[in-house]
Amino acid sequence: MSDHNRSSVAASYWAFVLVGVGAGAGGVLLPAQIADYGVDRTRIGITFFVFSAGFMLAGSTVGALMHRIGTRNALATGTAVFVLSDLYVATHPTFAGLVIVQLLLGYGGGVVESVLNTHLARLPRSAQRVNRLHAFFGVGALLGPLLATWMLRSWSWPSVYLVIALLNVPLLVGVLLVFPSAVRPGGGPAVAVAPGPGVQPPTAAASASAADPAQHGRGLLAAALRERAVLLGALFLAVYVGLEVSIGNWGFSFLVDGRTQSPLIAGYALSGYWLGLTAGRFVISPVASRAGLSDVAVSFGCLAGILAACVLVWAASAAVAAAAGFALLGFFLGPLFPTTMAITPRLAEPRLVPTAIGFINGVSVVGGSALPWLAGTIAQAAGIMTLIPFCIALTVLLLLIWWRLARHAPAPREASSAGLDYA
């Protein structure tokens, strides 16, 4: 791999650390924001929905944005929007201003995530790189709460947004220096990948339109939505994120109220869950690659591991066993999101890949909002012990969706990449 590509991969990892820092710090800042603005949890929750709307808007438009202005400029635009939005929040706006700016924060973050997922998914060994990318998000998510907690001891909550904005300024400069300026005509990666079943080779008319950037950017979202594999990928990640967030949101309550564990032990168990999620993204894909396992087989294995971990959490009465079950849940959940992103270039024709990745990434936030809400509603009516059966049902649903999706994901033709140097 060239030094230029190696630098862009390293910058991608650093960008996801910063995205994780912002996400992790947000939860710590919520109580301070509630007290500062004199609002309740329901009103502050409006910011979540507005942020999600911005994120979905980014997912539905990022493909056209990349085709019109290129990879580097699209990423720089997303980073700049994110930085300016953080700087605005650092000025301590009114509550209405805080709510409105979440649309821009979501849009900027969504563009950054989608562009970086697309960039790494086009490189050799994409599954390993995209898994590592999301693992670095986990690193940032672990550092964010520590940064916010430390700063709140001496400064007000808007100062945390100022620091996050300043941390992203060198990233913006790096993006302009090391990323490719544009997507090649047709949006194809440097490494050949086999198209999924039902994906037709480009026609002469399609090839001609690829030479015209204006024509090439039209109707991308509609074309991507006509691909059944893209819809299956979006459904899979919506359910996956719903499962991941349901465990993260309600696991503590399950251990304290359902298993009568102490809050301290429950907190450690949930930390183990997030650490497991990060470790799974660093470890599983490289090990599976050395063992010669395909991305599809790895995901089937991870889903089986999630079911086993759910059974362990459900059956365990001892605190140590329950904590181990939560760590294993995170470990096997970790690779599913990035692996799905990595196989997306094999689910649609090359020109649709940025749009497909953006759409799938955007839809995932819907599951991340709706399914944890459903889990909490069921727990409110029938008790918190319903959490694990709920998670088992979602895992079985994921198995069914992945079984259908796997039929559209042929193995990539990357045999010539074995001798490359990987970042």
Protein backbone atom coordinates (compact mmCIF):
# COMPACT_ATOMS: atom_id res chain seq x y z
CA MET A 1 0.00 0.00 0.00
CA SER A 2 1.33 3.46 -0.89
CA ASP A 3 2.46 5.94 1.76
CA HIS A 4 -0.43 8.19 0.68
CA ASN A 5 -3.02 5.49 1.37
CA ARG A 6 -1.30 4.48 4.59
CA SER A 7 -1.53 8.08 5.81
CA SER A 8 -5.22 8.27 4.94
CA VAL A 9 -5.89 5.03 6.85
CA ALA A 10 -4.09 6.39 9.92
CA ALA A 11 -6.05 9.65 9.66
CA SER A 12 -9.28 7.64 9.43
CA TYR A 13 -8.47 5.82 12.66
CA TRP A 14 -7.70 9.10 14.43
CA ALA A 15 -10.94 10.61 13.12
CA PHE A 16 -12.95 7.77 14.62
CA VAL A 17 -11.18 8.20 17.96
CA LEU A 18 -12.39 11.82 17.95
CA VAL A 19 -15.92 10.80 16.92
CA GLY A 20 -15.91 8.34 19.84
CA VAL A 21 -14.65 11.01 22.24
CA GLY A 22 -17.60 13.24 21.33
CA ALA A 23 -20.10 10.41 21.66
CA GLY A 24 -18.69 9.24 24.98
CA ALA A 25 -18.53 12.72 26.48
CA GLY A 26 -22.14 13.49 25.57
CA GLY A 27 -23.65 11.18 28.17
CA VAL A 28 -21.56 12.70 30.96
CA LEU A 29 -22.63 16.23 29.96
CA LEU A 30 -26.38 15.51 29.97
CA PRO A 31 -26.96 16.06 33.73
CA ALA A 32 -25.11 19.40 33.58
CA GLN A 33 -27.16 20.47 30.56
CA ILE A 34 -30.43 19.45 32.25
CA ALA A 35 -29.54 21.47 35.35
CA ASP A 36 -28.27 24.44 33.35
CA TYR A 37 -31.33 24.80 31.11
CA GLY A 38 -33.85 23.72 33.76
CA VAL A 39 -35.38 21.00 31.57
CA ASP A 40 -36.31 17.39 32.26
CA ARG A 41 -35.10 14.18 30.59
CA THR A 42 -37.97 14.23 28.13
CA ARG A 43 -37.11 17.69 26.81
CA ILE A 44 -33.38 17.06 26.63
CA GLY A 45 -34.26 13.88 24.73
CA ILE A 46 -35.42 16.07 21.83
CA THR A 47 -31.74 16.60 21.04
CA PHE A 48 -31.35 12.85 20.37
CA PHE A 49 -34.07 12.82 17.73
CA VAL A 50 -32.80 15.99 16.01
CA PHE A 51 -29.27 14.58 15.94
CA SER A 52 -30.62 11.34 14.44
CA ALA A 53 -32.45 13.33 11.76
CA GLY A 54 -29.20 15.06 10.79
CA PHE A 55 -27.39 11.72 10.73
CA MET A 56 -30.02 10.19 8.44
CA LEU A 57 -29.87 13.24 6.17
CA ALA A 58 -26.12 12.72 5.86
CA GLY A 59 -26.59 9.05 5.05
CA SER A 60 -29.07 9.77 2.27
CA THR A 61 -26.99 12.50 0.61
CA VAL A 62 -23.35 11.50 1.15
CA GLY A 63 -23.17 9.40 -2.01
CA ALA A 64 -24.18 12.31 -4.23
CA LEU A 65 -21.88 14.61 -2.24
CA MET A 66 -18.87 12.33 -2.82
CA HIS A 67 -19.64 12.02 -6.51
CA ARG A 68 -19.91 15.79 -6.94
CA ILE A 69 -16.97 17.05 -4.87
CA GLY A 70 -14.85 13.95 -4.20
CA THR A 71 -13.75 11.98 -1.15
CA ARG A 72 -11.42 14.60 0.31
CA ASN A 73 -13.78 17.55 -0.05
CA ALA A 74 -16.79 15.59 1.24
CA LEU A 75 -14.83 14.53 4.32
CA ALA A 76 -13.50 18.05 4.84
CA THR A 77 -17.07 19.40 4.58
CA GLY A 78 -18.35 16.97 7.20
CA THR A 79 -15.43 17.72 9.53
CA ALA A 80 -15.86 21.48 9.10
CA VAL A 81 -19.60 21.30 9.84
CA PHE A 82 -18.82 19.24 12.95
CA VAL A 83 -16.16 21.70 14.16
CA LEU A 84 -18.31 24.79 13.58
CA SER A 85 -21.28 23.17 15.32
CA ASP A 86 -19.15 22.30 18.36
CA LEU A 87 -17.82 25.86 18.45
CA TYR A 88 -21.39 27.17 18.41
CA VAL A 89 -22.37 24.92 21.34
CA ALA A 90 -19.26 26.17 23.17
CA THR A 91 -20.79 29.67 23.12
CA HIS A 92 -23.56 28.39 25.45
CA PRO A 93 -26.57 28.95 23.15
CA THR A 94 -30.19 29.04 24.25
CA PHE A 95 -31.92 25.69 24.63
CA ALA A 96 -33.62 26.19 21.26
CA GLY A 97 -30.20 26.83 19.72
CA LEU A 98 -28.81 23.68 21.34
CA VAL A 99 -31.65 21.64 19.86
CA ILE A 100 -31.35 23.11 16.36
CA VAL A 101 -27.57 22.71 16.13
CA GLN A 102 -27.95 18.97 16.75
CA LEU A 103 -29.13 18.72 13.14
CA LEU A 104 -25.74 20.03 11.98
CA LEU A 105 -23.83 17.92 14.50
CA GLY A 106 -25.65 14.82 13.25
CA TYR A 107 -25.08 15.77 9.63
CA GLY A 108 -21.37 16.45 10.09
CA GLY A 109 -20.83 13.28 12.09
CA GLY A 110 -22.85 11.22 9.62
CA VAL A 111 -20.85 12.49 6.64
CA VAL A 112 -17.53 11.78 8.38
CA GLU A 113 -18.56 8.24 9.34
CA SER A 114 -20.01 7.37 5.93
CA VAL A 115 -17.07 8.74 3.94
CA LEU A 116 -14.52 6.94 6.10
CA ASN A 117 -16.44 3.66 5.96
CA THR A 118 -16.58 3.99 2.17
CA HIS A 119 -12.88 4.87 1.88
CA LEU A 120 -11.68 1.89 3.92
CA ALA A 121 -14.22 -0.53 2.43
CA ARG A 122 -12.59 0.10 -0.97
CA LEU A 123 -9.10 -0.94 0.17
CA PRO A 124 -7.65 -4.46 0.36
CA ARG A 125 -8.44 -6.37 3.55
CA SER A 126 -11.43 -4.09 4.02
CA ALA A 127 -13.01 -6.17 6.80
CA GLN A 128 -9.92 -5.87 8.99
CA ARG A 129 -9.54 -2.17 8.34
CA VAL A 130 -13.20 -1.30 8.93
CA ASN A 131 -13.25 -3.41 12.10
CA ARG A 132 -10.17 -1.56 13.31
CA LEU A 133 -11.81 1.75 12.37
CA HIS A 134 -14.80 1.05 14.60
CA ALA A 135 -12.55 -0.30 17.34
CA PHE A 136 -10.87 3.10 17.47
CA PHE A 137 -14.35 4.60 17.93
CA GLY A 138 -14.58 2.40 21.03
CA VAL A 139 -11.23 3.75 22.24
CA GLY A 140 -12.56 7.28 21.89
CA ALA A 141 -15.84 6.35 23.58
CA LEU A 142 -13.85 5.12 26.58
CA LEU A 143 -11.72 8.29 26.70
CA GLY A 144 -14.61 10.76 26.20
CA PRO A 145 -16.27 10.24 29.61
CA LEU A 146 -12.89 10.56 31.35
CA LEU A 147 -12.18 13.86 29.56
CA ALA A 148 -15.64 15.27 30.29
CA THR A 149 -15.61 14.20 33.95
CA TRP A 150 -12.17 15.72 34.49
CA MET A 151 -13.09 19.02 32.81
CA LEU A 152 -16.39 19.41 34.67
CA ARG A 153 -14.49 19.57 37.94
CA SER A 154 -13.12 23.01 36.99
CA TRP A 155 -14.98 24.23 33.88
CA SER A 156 -18.53 24.50 32.62
CA TRP A 157 -19.96 21.94 30.17
CA PRO A 158 -19.64 24.18 27.04
CA SER A 159 -15.85 24.15 27.48
CA VAL A 160 -15.85 20.42 26.69
CA TYR A 161 -17.32 21.18 23.25
CA LEU A 162 -14.62 23.81 22.72
CA VAL A 163 -11.88 21.26 23.41
CA ILE A 164 -13.50 18.67 21.11
CA ALA A 165 -13.73 21.30 18.34
CA LEU A 166 -10.07 22.24 18.75
CA LEU A 167 -9.03 18.57 18.65
CA ASN A 168 -10.79 18.26 15.28
CA VAL A 169 -9.01 21.23 13.68
CA PRO A 170 -5.73 19.30 13.04
CA LEU A 171 -7.86 16.49 11.61
CA LEU A 172 -9.41 18.92 9.12
CA VAL A 173 -5.92 19.97 8.01
CA GLY A 174 -4.84 16.34 7.74
CA VAL A 175 -7.87 15.48 5.63
CA LEU A 176 -6.92 18.14 3.09
CA LEU A 177 -3.35 16.84 2.94
CA VAL A 178 -3.62 13.05 2.81
CA PHE A 179 -6.98 12.02 1.36
CA PRO A 180 -7.62 11.42 -2.35
CA SER A 181 -9.26 14.39 -3.99
CA ALA A 182 -11.96 12.50 -5.86
CA VAL A 183 -13.69 9.19 -6.43
CA ARG A 184 -12.63 7.58 -9.69
CA PRO A 185 -15.25 7.60 -12.45
CA GLY A 186 -17.75 4.90 -11.63
CA GLY A 187 -16.73 5.02 -7.97
CA GLY A 188 -14.83 1.75 -8.26
CA PRO A 189 -12.19 0.64 -5.76
CA ALA A 190 -8.62 -0.15 -6.67
CA VAL A 191 -9.22 -3.81 -5.82
CA ALA A 192 -11.64 -5.80 -7.93
CA VAL A 193 -14.65 -7.20 -6.11
CA ALA A 194 -17.27 -9.53 -7.42
CA PRO A 195 -20.73 -7.98 -7.73
CA GLY A 196 -23.55 -9.60 -5.83
CA PRO A 197 -26.26 -11.67 -7.50
CA GLY A 198 -28.65 -9.45 -9.40
CA VAL A 199 -26.07 -6.70 -9.88
CA GLN A 200 -25.67 -6.26 -13.63
CA PRO A 201 -22.37 -5.24 -15.24
CA PRO A 202 -22.29 -1.62 -16.43
CA THR A 203 -23.99 -1.04 -19.74
CA ALA A 204 -22.58 1.20 -22.45
CA ALA A 205 -25.03 3.91 -21.39
CA ALA A 206 -23.95 3.56 -17.77
CA SER A 207 -20.29 3.80 -18.76
CA ALA A 208 -21.01 6.93 -20.75
CA SER A 209 -22.87 8.54 -17.87
CA ALA A 210 -19.98 7.73 -15.53
CA ALA A 211 -17.85 10.16 -17.49
CA ASP A 212 -20.33 12.93 -16.72
CA PRO A 213 -20.18 13.80 -12.98
CA ALA A 214 -23.48 15.67 -13.09
CA GLN A 215 -25.30 12.76 -14.70
CA HIS A 216 -23.44 10.31 -12.49
CA GLY A 217 -24.73 11.92 -9.28
CA ARG A 218 -28.42 11.79 -10.19
CA GLY A 219 -30.80 9.21 -8.78
CA LEU A 220 -28.15 7.47 -6.67
CA LEU A 221 -30.35 7.01 -3.60
CA ALA A 222 -33.30 5.71 -5.63
CA ALA A 223 -31.02 3.29 -7.47
CA ALA A 224 -29.47 2.06 -4.22
CA LEU A 225 -32.90 1.49 -2.69
CA ARG A 226 -33.79 -0.78 -5.59
CA GLU A 227 -31.02 -3.18 -4.53
CA ARG A 228 -32.52 -5.83 -2.22
CA ALA A 229 -29.11 -6.52 -0.69
CA VAL A 230 -28.73 -2.87 0.35
CA LEU A 231 -32.14 -2.95 2.05
CA LEU A 232 -31.20 -6.17 3.85
CA GLY A 233 -27.94 -4.59 5.00
CA ALA A 234 -29.80 -1.55 6.34
CA LEU A 235 -32.31 -3.78 8.17
CA PHE A 236 -29.52 -5.90 9.61
CA LEU A 237 -27.68 -2.89 11.06
CA ALA A 238 -30.88 -1.28 12.34
CA VAL A 239 -31.55 -4.44 14.38
CA TYR A 240 -27.88 -4.77 15.34
CA VAL A 241 -27.57 -1.22 16.68
CA GLY A 242 -30.88 -1.67 18.50
CA LEU A 243 -29.48 -4.78 20.18
CA GLU A 244 -26.16 -3.15 21.04
CA VAL A 245 -27.77 -0.04 22.54
CA SER A 246 -30.49 -2.03 24.35
CA ILE A 247 -27.82 -3.96 26.23
CA GLY A 248 -25.82 -0.80 26.88
CA ASN A 249 -28.84 1.16 28.12
CA TRP A 250 -30.63 -1.50 30.17
CA GLY A 251 -27.89 -3.95 31.18
CA PHE A 252 -27.12 -2.00 34.35
CA SER A 253 -30.79 -2.07 35.39
CA PHE A 254 -30.96 -5.80 34.60
CA LEU A 255 -28.06 -6.55 36.93
CA VAL A 256 -29.15 -4.22 39.76
CA ASP A 257 -32.93 -4.74 39.71
CA GLY A 258 -33.14 -8.20 38.18
CA ARG A 259 -30.04 -9.89 39.64
CA THR A 260 -29.72 -7.74 42.80
CA GLN A 261 -26.08 -6.96 42.09
CA SER A 262 -24.49 -3.90 43.66
CA PRO A 263 -24.31 -0.78 41.48
CA LEU A 264 -20.50 -0.98 41.63
CA ILE A 265 -20.42 -4.55 40.27
CA ALA A 266 -23.05 -3.71 37.66
CA GLY A 267 -21.02 -0.71 36.53
CA TYR A 268 -17.91 -2.87 36.15
CA ALA A 269 -19.91 -5.42 34.16
CA LEU A 270 -21.13 -2.73 31.75
CA SER A 271 -17.60 -1.39 31.37
CA GLY A 272 -16.59 -4.94 30.50
CA TYR A 273 -19.31 -5.00 27.86
CA TRP A 274 -17.97 -1.90 26.10
CA LEU A 275 -14.37 -3.08 26.47
CA GLY A 276 -15.40 -6.41 24.95
CA LEU A 277 -17.03 -4.58 22.05
CA THR A 278 -13.79 -2.73 21.33
CA ALA A 279 -11.60 -5.82 21.77
CA GLY A 280 -13.79 -7.89 19.43
CA ARG A 281 -13.22 -5.36 16.65
CA PHE A 282 -9.46 -5.44 17.13
CA VAL A 283 -9.11 -9.21 17.52
CA ILE A 284 -11.71 -11.28 15.67
CA SER A 285 -11.24 -10.15 12.06
CA PRO A 286 -7.41 -10.55 11.95
CA VAL A 287 -7.62 -13.98 13.63
CA ALA A 288 -10.38 -15.09 11.26
CA SER A 289 -8.37 -13.87 8.26
CA ARG A 290 -5.35 -15.94 9.30
CA ALA A 291 -7.64 -18.93 9.75
CA GLY A 292 -9.00 -18.46 6.22
CA LEU A 293 -12.58 -17.72 7.32
CA SER A 294 -14.80 -15.54 5.15
CA ASP A 295 -16.52 -12.39 6.42
CA VAL A 296 -19.87 -14.16 6.10
CA ALA A 297 -18.70 -17.13 8.18
CA VAL A 298 -17.22 -14.83 10.84
CA SER A 299 -20.55 -13.04 11.28
CA PHE A 300 -22.42 -16.34 11.59
CA GLY A 301 -19.92 -17.37 14.27
CA CYS A 302 -20.32 -14.07 16.11
CA LEU A 303 -24.11 -14.39 16.10
CA ALA A 304 -23.79 -17.90 17.57
CA GLY A 305 -21.44 -16.46 20.22
CA ILE A 306 -24.01 -13.77 21.08
CA LEU A 307 -26.68 -16.41 21.64
CA ALA A 308 -24.32 -18.39 23.91
CA ALA A 309 -23.41 -15.24 25.86
CA CYS A 310 -27.11 -14.37 26.31
CA VAL A 311 -27.72 -17.83 27.76
CA LEU A 312 -24.77 -17.37 30.11
CA VAL A 313 -26.06 -13.99 31.33
CA TRP A 314 -29.57 -15.42 31.77
CA ALA A 315 -28.41 -18.53 33.67
CA ALA A 316 -25.63 -16.96 35.75
CA SER A 317 -26.38 -16.05 39.32
CA ALA A 318 -22.80 -15.28 40.38
CA ALA A 319 -21.56 -11.77 39.70
CA VAL A 320 -18.35 -12.96 38.03
CA ALA A 321 -20.23 -15.21 35.59
CA ALA A 322 -22.70 -12.45 34.72
CA ALA A 323 -19.85 -9.99 34.14
CA ALA A 324 -18.10 -12.53 31.90
CA GLY A 325 -21.34 -12.97 29.96
CA PHE A 326 -21.62 -9.23 29.33
CA ALA A 327 -17.97 -9.03 28.23
CA LEU A 328 -18.56 -11.91 25.79
CA LEU A 329 -21.71 -10.22 24.50
CA GLY A 330 -19.69 -7.14 23.63
CA PHE A 331 -16.83 -9.21 22.18
CA PHE A 332 -19.06 -11.08 19.72
CA LEU A 333 -21.23 -8.05 18.91
CA GLY A 334 -18.23 -5.90 18.04
CA PRO A 335 -17.38 -7.10 14.50
CA LEU A 336 -20.93 -7.19 13.10
CA PHE A 337 -21.32 -3.50 12.24
CA PRO A 338 -17.92 -2.97 10.58
CA THR A 339 -18.07 -6.31 8.77
CA THR A 340 -21.41 -5.34 7.23
CA MET A 341 -19.89 -2.06 6.10
CA ALA A 342 -16.90 -3.92 4.65
CA ILE A 343 -19.03 -6.22 2.47
CA THR A 344 -21.27 -3.42 1.17
CA PRO A 345 -19.10 -2.85 -1.95
CA ARG A 346 -20.08 -6.41 -2.94
CA LEU A 347 -23.80 -5.72 -2.58
CA ALA A 348 -24.21 -3.02 -5.23
CA GLU A 349 -22.61 -1.75 -8.40
CA PRO A 350 -19.53 0.44 -7.79
CA ARG A 351 -21.15 3.84 -8.47
CA LEU A 352 -23.76 3.14 -5.77
CA VAL A 353 -21.33 2.10 -3.01
CA PRO A 354 -20.97 5.51 -1.25
CA THR A 355 -24.75 6.00 -1.31
CA ALA A 356 -25.39 2.44 -0.10
CA ILE A 357 -22.94 2.81 2.79
CA GLY A 358 -24.39 6.21 3.73
CA PHE A 359 -27.96 4.88 3.62
CA ILE A 360 -27.13 1.78 5.66
CA ASN A 361 -25.22 3.88 8.19
CA GLY A 362 -28.09 6.38 8.46
CA VAL A 363 -30.82 3.76 8.90
CA SER A 364 -28.86 2.12 11.72
CA VAL A 365 -29.71 5.04 14.01
CA VAL A 366 -33.43 4.25 13.64
CA GLY A 367 -32.95 0.85 15.25
CA GLY A 368 -30.67 2.44 17.83
CA SER A 369 -33.55 4.67 18.92
CA ALA A 370 -36.64 2.51 18.46
CA LEU A 371 -35.54 -0.90 19.77
CA PRO A 372 -34.05 0.30 23.10
CA TRP A 373 -37.28 2.26 23.62
CA LEU A 374 -39.24 -0.95 22.94
CA ALA A 375 -37.01 -2.90 25.33
CA GLY A 376 -37.65 -0.31 28.06
CA THR A 377 -41.39 -0.29 27.42
CA ILE A 378 -41.56 -4.09 27.68
CA ALA A 379 -39.46 -3.99 30.86
CA GLN A 380 -41.76 -1.35 32.33
CA ALA A 381 -44.80 -3.57 31.72
CA ALA A 382 -43.38 -7.05 32.42
CA GLY A 383 -40.17 -6.52 34.39
CA ILE A 384 -36.50 -5.99 33.59
CA MET A 385 -35.90 -9.75 33.34
CA THR A 386 -37.45 -9.55 29.88
CA LEU A 387 -34.25 -7.90 28.59
CA ILE A 388 -32.35 -11.10 27.81
CA PRO A 389 -35.27 -12.88 26.06
CA PHE A 390 -35.72 -9.66 24.06
CA CYS A 391 -32.03 -9.73 23.10
CA ILE A 392 -32.25 -13.41 22.14
CA ALA A 393 -35.22 -12.66 19.88
CA LEU A 394 -33.27 -9.84 18.18
CA THR A 395 -30.26 -12.14 17.71
CA VAL A 396 -32.41 -14.81 16.05
CA LEU A 397 -33.81 -12.09 13.78
CA LEU A 398 -30.25 -11.04 12.92
CA LEU A 399 -29.39 -14.64 12.03
CA LEU A 400 -32.33 -14.81 9.64
CA ILE A 401 -31.46 -11.48 7.99
CA TRP A 402 -27.77 -12.41 7.69
CA TRP A 403 -28.69 -15.75 6.11
CA ARG A 404 -30.60 -13.87 3.41
CA LEU A 405 -27.91 -11.19 3.07
CA ALA A 406 -25.12 -13.76 2.72
CA ARG A 407 -26.62 -14.93 -0.57
CA HIS A 408 -25.79 -11.50 -2.02
CA ALA A 409 -22.20 -11.31 -0.69
CA PRO A 410 -19.75 -13.34 -2.81
CA ALA A 411 -16.14 -13.54 -1.67
CA PRO A 412 -13.96 -10.63 -2.85
CA ARG A 413 -11.24 -11.30 -5.39
CA GLU A 414 -8.27 -10.13 -3.34
CA ALA A 415 -5.87 -12.97 -3.91
CA SER A 416 -3.20 -10.58 -5.15
CA SER A 417 -3.26 -8.53 -1.94
CA ALA A 418 -1.41 -11.01 0.24
CA GLY A 419 1.91 -9.29 -0.22
CA LEU A 420 0.69 -5.77 0.46
CA ASP A 421 1.69 -3.75 3.48
CA TYR A 422 -1.32 -3.01 5.67
CA ALA A 423 -1.87 -0.18 8.09
